[in-house]
Protein backbone atom coordinates (compact mmCIF):
# COMPACT_ATOMS: atom_id res chain seq x y z
CA MET A 1 11.35 5.48 5.73
CA SER A 2 7.60 4.96 6.13
CA ARG A 3 5.65 8.21 6.14
CA LEU A 4 2.09 9.45 6.54
CA THR A 5 0.98 12.83 5.22
CA VAL A 6 -2.59 13.88 5.81
CA TYR A 7 -4.27 16.61 3.75
CA ASN A 8 -7.64 18.29 3.50
CA GLU A 9 -9.05 16.97 0.21
CA ASN A 10 -9.09 20.50 -1.19
CA ASP A 11 -5.56 21.50 -0.23
CA THR A 12 -2.54 19.67 -1.64
CA ASN A 13 -0.05 22.25 -0.34
CA ASN A 14 -0.63 22.44 3.40
CA PRO A 15 -0.45 19.07 5.15
CA LEU A 16 -2.43 18.68 8.37
CA LEU A 17 0.01 16.02 9.52
CA ASP A 18 3.37 14.78 8.26
CA THR A 19 5.12 12.02 10.22
CA ASP A 20 7.58 9.20 9.83
CA ASP A 21 6.93 7.84 13.35
CA ALA A 22 5.58 4.30 12.85
CA ASP A 23 3.55 4.33 16.05
CA ARG A 24 1.92 7.62 15.08
CA ILE A 25 1.19 6.34 11.60
CA ALA A 26 -0.43 3.21 13.06
CA ALA A 27 -2.52 5.29 15.52
CA GLU A 28 -3.71 7.73 12.83
CA MET A 29 -4.56 4.96 10.40
CA ASP A 30 -6.44 3.05 13.19
CA LYS A 31 -8.63 6.09 13.68
CA VAL A 32 -9.97 5.67 10.16
CA GLY A 33 -10.16 1.82 10.26
CA VAL A 34 -6.93 1.12 8.41
CA LEU A 35 -4.47 -1.43 9.76
CA PHE A 36 -0.83 -0.34 9.60
CA GLU A 37 1.91 -2.43 11.25
CA ARG A 38 5.70 -2.52 11.19
CA TRP A 39 6.90 -6.12 11.29
CA PRO A 40 10.40 -6.56 12.69
CA ALA A 41 13.06 -7.41 10.07
CA GLU A 42 13.73 -10.91 11.39
CA HIS A 43 14.04 -12.64 8.03
CA ALA A 44 17.19 -12.38 5.98
CA LEU A 45 16.16 -13.14 2.41
CA PRO A 46 18.18 -12.97 -0.78
CA ALA A 47 17.19 -10.33 -3.29
CA ASP A 48 15.94 -13.05 -5.64
CA ALA A 49 13.89 -14.91 -2.96
CA SER A 50 11.06 -16.99 -4.37
CA ALA A 51 7.46 -16.75 -3.27
CA GLU A 52 7.96 -20.00 -1.41
CA GLN A 53 10.94 -18.68 0.49
CA ILE A 54 9.10 -15.49 1.37
CA GLY A 55 6.06 -17.45 2.45
CA GLU A 56 8.18 -19.67 4.69
CA ALA A 57 9.97 -16.67 6.26
CA TYR A 58 6.66 -14.91 7.08
CA ALA A 59 4.45 -17.97 7.69
CA ALA A 60 3.61 -17.09 11.27
CA ASP A 61 2.57 -13.50 10.34
CA ILE A 62 0.51 -14.71 7.37
CA GLU A 63 -1.20 -17.37 9.49
CA ARG A 64 -1.95 -14.76 12.19
CA LEU A 65 -3.63 -12.45 9.67
CA GLN A 66 -5.52 -15.30 8.07
CA ALA A 67 -6.85 -16.42 11.48
CA GLN A 68 -7.65 -12.86 12.63
CA PHE A 69 -9.39 -11.60 9.43
CA GLY A 70 -10.35 -14.76 7.56
CA TYR A 71 -8.11 -14.33 4.52
CA ALA A 72 -8.24 -17.45 2.48
CA THR A 73 -5.21 -17.13 0.11
CA TRP A 74 -2.01 -15.22 -0.33
CA ASP A 75 0.61 -14.67 -3.00
CA VAL A 76 3.73 -12.66 -3.65
CA ILE A 77 4.17 -10.15 -6.45
CA GLY A 78 6.91 -7.78 -7.33
CA LEU A 79 8.00 -5.25 -9.92
CA HIS A 80 11.39 -3.86 -10.87
CA PRO A 81 12.39 -0.76 -12.84
CA GLU A 82 13.31 -2.72 -15.97
CA HIS A 83 9.93 -4.48 -16.30
CA PRO A 84 8.73 -3.85 -19.89
CA GLN A 85 5.13 -3.18 -18.83
CA LYS A 86 5.87 -1.06 -15.76
CA ASP A 87 4.26 2.14 -17.15
CA ALA A 88 0.99 0.33 -18.02
CA MET A 89 0.98 -1.41 -14.69
CA ARG A 90 1.54 1.88 -12.87
CA ALA A 91 -1.24 3.61 -14.81
CA LYS A 92 -3.73 0.86 -13.84
CA PHE A 93 -3.71 1.93 -10.17
CA LEU A 94 -3.22 5.70 -10.35
CA ASP A 95 -6.91 6.64 -10.42
CA GLU A 96 -9.15 6.55 -7.34
CA HIS A 97 -10.92 3.20 -6.98
CA THR A 98 -12.40 0.84 -4.40
CA HIS A 99 -12.48 -2.92 -3.98
CA SER A 100 -15.13 -5.30 -2.67
CA GLU A 101 -12.54 -6.83 -0.29
CA ASP A 102 -9.69 -5.56 1.87
CA GLU A 103 -6.49 -4.67 0.05
CA VAL A 104 -3.78 -6.21 2.26
CA ARG A 105 -0.11 -5.71 1.42
CA PHE A 106 3.06 -6.48 3.30
CA PHE A 107 6.18 -4.95 1.77
CA VAL A 108 9.01 -7.45 1.81
CA ASP A 109 11.24 -5.14 -0.25
CA GLY A 110 10.99 -1.72 -1.93
CA ALA A 111 8.24 0.86 -1.54
CA GLY A 112 4.89 2.08 -2.78
CA LEU A 113 2.47 4.84 -1.95
CA PHE A 114 -1.14 4.05 -0.86
CA THR A 115 -3.28 7.19 -0.86
CA LEU A 116 -6.65 6.92 0.82
CA HIS A 117 -9.56 9.33 0.45
CA ILE A 118 -11.63 9.10 3.60
CA GLY A 119 -14.25 11.67 4.29
CA ASP A 120 -12.72 15.08 3.56
CA ARG A 121 -9.19 13.88 4.19
CA VAL A 122 -6.46 12.36 2.03
CA TYR A 123 -3.98 10.01 3.74
CA ALA A 124 -0.76 9.53 1.68
CA THR A 125 0.91 6.49 3.21
CA LEU A 126 4.39 5.64 1.97
CA CYS A 127 4.95 1.94 2.69
CA GLU A 128 8.45 0.42 2.63
CA ALA A 129 10.07 -2.84 3.53
CA ASP A 130 8.58 -4.34 6.73
CA ASP A 131 5.28 -2.35 6.46
CA LEU A 132 1.86 -3.94 6.44
CA ILE A 133 -1.20 -1.96 5.31
CA SER A 134 -4.76 -3.18 5.07
CA VAL A 135 -7.13 -0.88 3.22
CA PRO A 136 -10.71 -1.86 4.16
CA ALA A 137 -13.13 -2.92 1.39
CA GLY A 138 -15.00 0.05 -0.09
CA THR A 139 -12.31 2.61 0.85
CA PRO A 140 -11.57 5.01 -2.04
CA HIS A 141 -7.83 4.96 -2.69
CA TRP A 142 -5.11 4.83 -5.32
CA PHE A 143 -1.60 3.29 -5.48
CA ASP A 144 1.53 4.72 -6.96
CA MET A 145 4.62 2.61 -7.44
CA GLY A 146 6.57 5.44 -9.04
CA ASP A 147 8.19 5.64 -12.48
CA LYS A 148 10.96 3.31 -11.41
CA PRO A 149 8.96 0.70 -9.43
CA HIS A 150 10.78 -1.52 -7.01
CA PHE A 151 8.84 -3.63 -4.62
CA LYS A 152 8.00 -7.16 -3.56
CA VAL A 153 4.81 -7.63 -1.53
CA ILE A 154 2.81 -10.41 0.09
CA ARG A 155 -0.85 -9.96 -0.79
CA LEU A 156 -3.67 -11.56 1.25
CA PHE A 157 -7.17 -12.18 -0.10
CA ASN A 158 -10.60 -13.25 0.99
CA ASN A 159 -11.26 -14.36 -2.55
CA GLN A 160 -8.59 -13.81 -5.24
CA GLU A 161 -11.11 -13.77 -8.03
CA GLY A 162 -12.93 -10.88 -6.26
CA TRP A 163 -10.07 -8.41 -6.56
CA VAL A 164 -11.49 -5.95 -9.03
CA ALA A 165 -10.93 -2.20 -9.12
CA ASN A 166 -14.18 -0.20 -9.15
CA PHE A 167 -13.17 3.28 -10.32
CA THR A 168 -14.94 6.25 -8.68
CA GLY A 169 -14.63 8.57 -11.67
CA THR A 170 -13.17 11.47 -9.68
CA ASP A 171 -10.01 13.37 -10.54
CA ILE A 172 -8.72 13.74 -7.03
CA ALA A 173 -5.75 11.41 -7.58
CA LYS A 174 -4.43 13.71 -10.28
CA ASP A 175 -4.53 16.64 -7.88
CA PHE A 176 -2.35 14.76 -5.37
CA ARG A 177 0.03 13.13 -7.91
CA PRO A 178 2.84 15.83 -7.46
CA ALA A 179 2.76 15.34 -3.66
CA GLY A 180 2.91 11.56 -4.18
CA GLU A 181 5.81 11.77 -6.54
CA GLN A 182 7.65 13.90 -4.00
CA MET A 183 7.05 11.26 -1.29
CA LEU A 184 8.37 8.58 -3.69
CA GLY A 185 11.48 10.70 -4.23
CA GLN A 186 10.57 11.69 -7.79
CA GLY A 187 9.37 15.24 -7.28
């Protein structure tokens, strides 16, 4: 189930907010400029659905976002627990970083944890199937897929070549890792 837990950046033990209500998550995220939507599960797809099948099933939603925000391209990526490079791929996103463009992800299957550091707050956002999150360009964040990653997501881009992580050099993500692992069901 989707979940939002908000912390003061200096206190990983006492959440200021903890909710699994999708409307509340969307409202709280909207306050800090982050788009969060739950898309109705209208598309029955096989577990091994191809990128083309996923794109066809969600064409109207993809086109709406492209028109609304100017995203030029999209793709589908996924990861499973048996992937031989899963640990290296996980490590790549665990430190706080920013991007020069929005990071837009729609979870077709599985789950992942986007944690955003905005002002003096940390917003741990567990996204699962049917969740869309759009992290605005320049927002410090990190992503944890867990030690047994399982997800398939549609990604939207302004410029696919521009997706580069710019690491902030802070250690804040390490402080919040135990809370994140608990949200992912690993703690």
